[in-house]
């Protein structure tokens, strides 16, 4: 048997490690999504604190 051969136990550990990496990346995405969602919800009341600005009308020229 060669020393470069990968055993079944090593393949199992590599498969489990890959699955764990995938799950950890997914949960990191979910956590970030949750944080940004809560941040947006917390900023929503700020909309009501801003002053409404009325539109300016351009000056009309007097035509005779």
Protein backbone atom coordinates (compact mmCIF):
# COMPACT_ATOMS: atom_id res chain seq x y z
CA UNK A 1 0.00 0.00 0.00
CA UNK A 2 1.28 3.45 -0.92
CA UNK A 3 1.66 6.15 1.67
CA UNK A 4 -0.14 8.56 -0.71
CA UNK A 5 -3.35 6.49 -0.67
CA UNK A 6 -6.36 8.03 1.01
CA UNK A 7 -8.14 5.66 3.36
CA UNK A 8 -11.87 5.41 3.85
CA UNK A 9 -11.59 7.01 7.27
CA UNK A 10 -9.73 10.00 5.78
CA UNK A 11 -12.36 10.35 3.05
CA UNK A 12 -15.08 10.30 5.70
CA UNK A 13 -13.35 13.02 7.73
CA UNK A 14 -12.81 15.13 4.59
CA UNK A 15 -16.49 14.74 3.65
CA UNK A 16 -17.60 15.71 7.15
CA UNK A 17 -15.25 18.69 7.12
CA UNK A 18 -16.63 19.87 3.76
CA UNK A 19 -20.20 19.54 5.02
CA UNK A 20 -19.35 21.45 8.18
CA UNK A 21 -17.75 24.22 6.10
CA UNK A 22 -20.86 24.49 3.92
CA UNK A 23 -23.13 24.70 6.94
CA UNK A 24 -20.97 27.29 8.66
CA UNK A 25 -20.97 29.48 5.52
CA UNK A 26 -24.76 29.19 5.28
CA UNK A 27 -25.24 30.17 8.93
CA UNK A 28 -22.84 33.09 8.52
CA UNK A 29 -25.00 34.32 5.62
CA UNK A 30 -28.17 33.89 7.68
CA UNK A 31 -26.63 35.76 10.62
CA UNK A 32 -25.56 38.66 8.37
CA UNK A 33 -29.00 38.77 6.76
CA UNK A 34 -30.60 38.93 10.20
CA UNK A 35 -28.27 41.71 11.41
CA UNK A 36 -28.90 43.85 8.33
CA UNK A 37 -32.65 43.23 8.60
CA UNK A 38 -32.74 44.33 12.24
CA UNK A 39 -30.59 47.36 11.34
CA UNK A 40 -33.05 48.39 8.62
CA UNK A 41 -36.00 47.96 10.96
CA UNK A 42 -34.26 50.08 13.60
CA UNK A 43 -33.62 52.87 11.07
CA UNK A 44 -37.21 52.89 9.83
CA UNK A 45 -38.52 55.27 12.56
CA UNK A 46 -35.91 57.83 11.47
CA UNK A 47 -38.00 58.48 8.36
CA UNK A 48 -40.63 60.18 10.50
CA UNK A 49 -38.06 62.50 12.09
CA UNK A 50 -37.02 64.09 8.80
CA UNK A 51 -38.62 67.35 7.73
CA UNK A 52 -40.66 67.32 4.56
CA UNK A 53 -39.31 69.73 1.93
CA UNK A 54 -41.77 71.40 -0.41
CA UNK A 55 -40.83 71.61 -4.05
CA UNK A 56 -39.65 75.00 -5.25
CA UNK A 57 -41.40 76.48 -8.24
CA UNK A 58 -39.23 78.15 -10.87
CA UNK A 59 -39.71 81.91 -11.12
CA UNK A 60 -42.20 82.91 -13.78
CA UNK A 61 -41.24 85.53 -16.30
CA UNK A 62 -43.62 88.45 -16.78
CA UNK A 63 -44.67 88.46 -20.39
CA UNK A 64 -46.53 91.50 -21.75
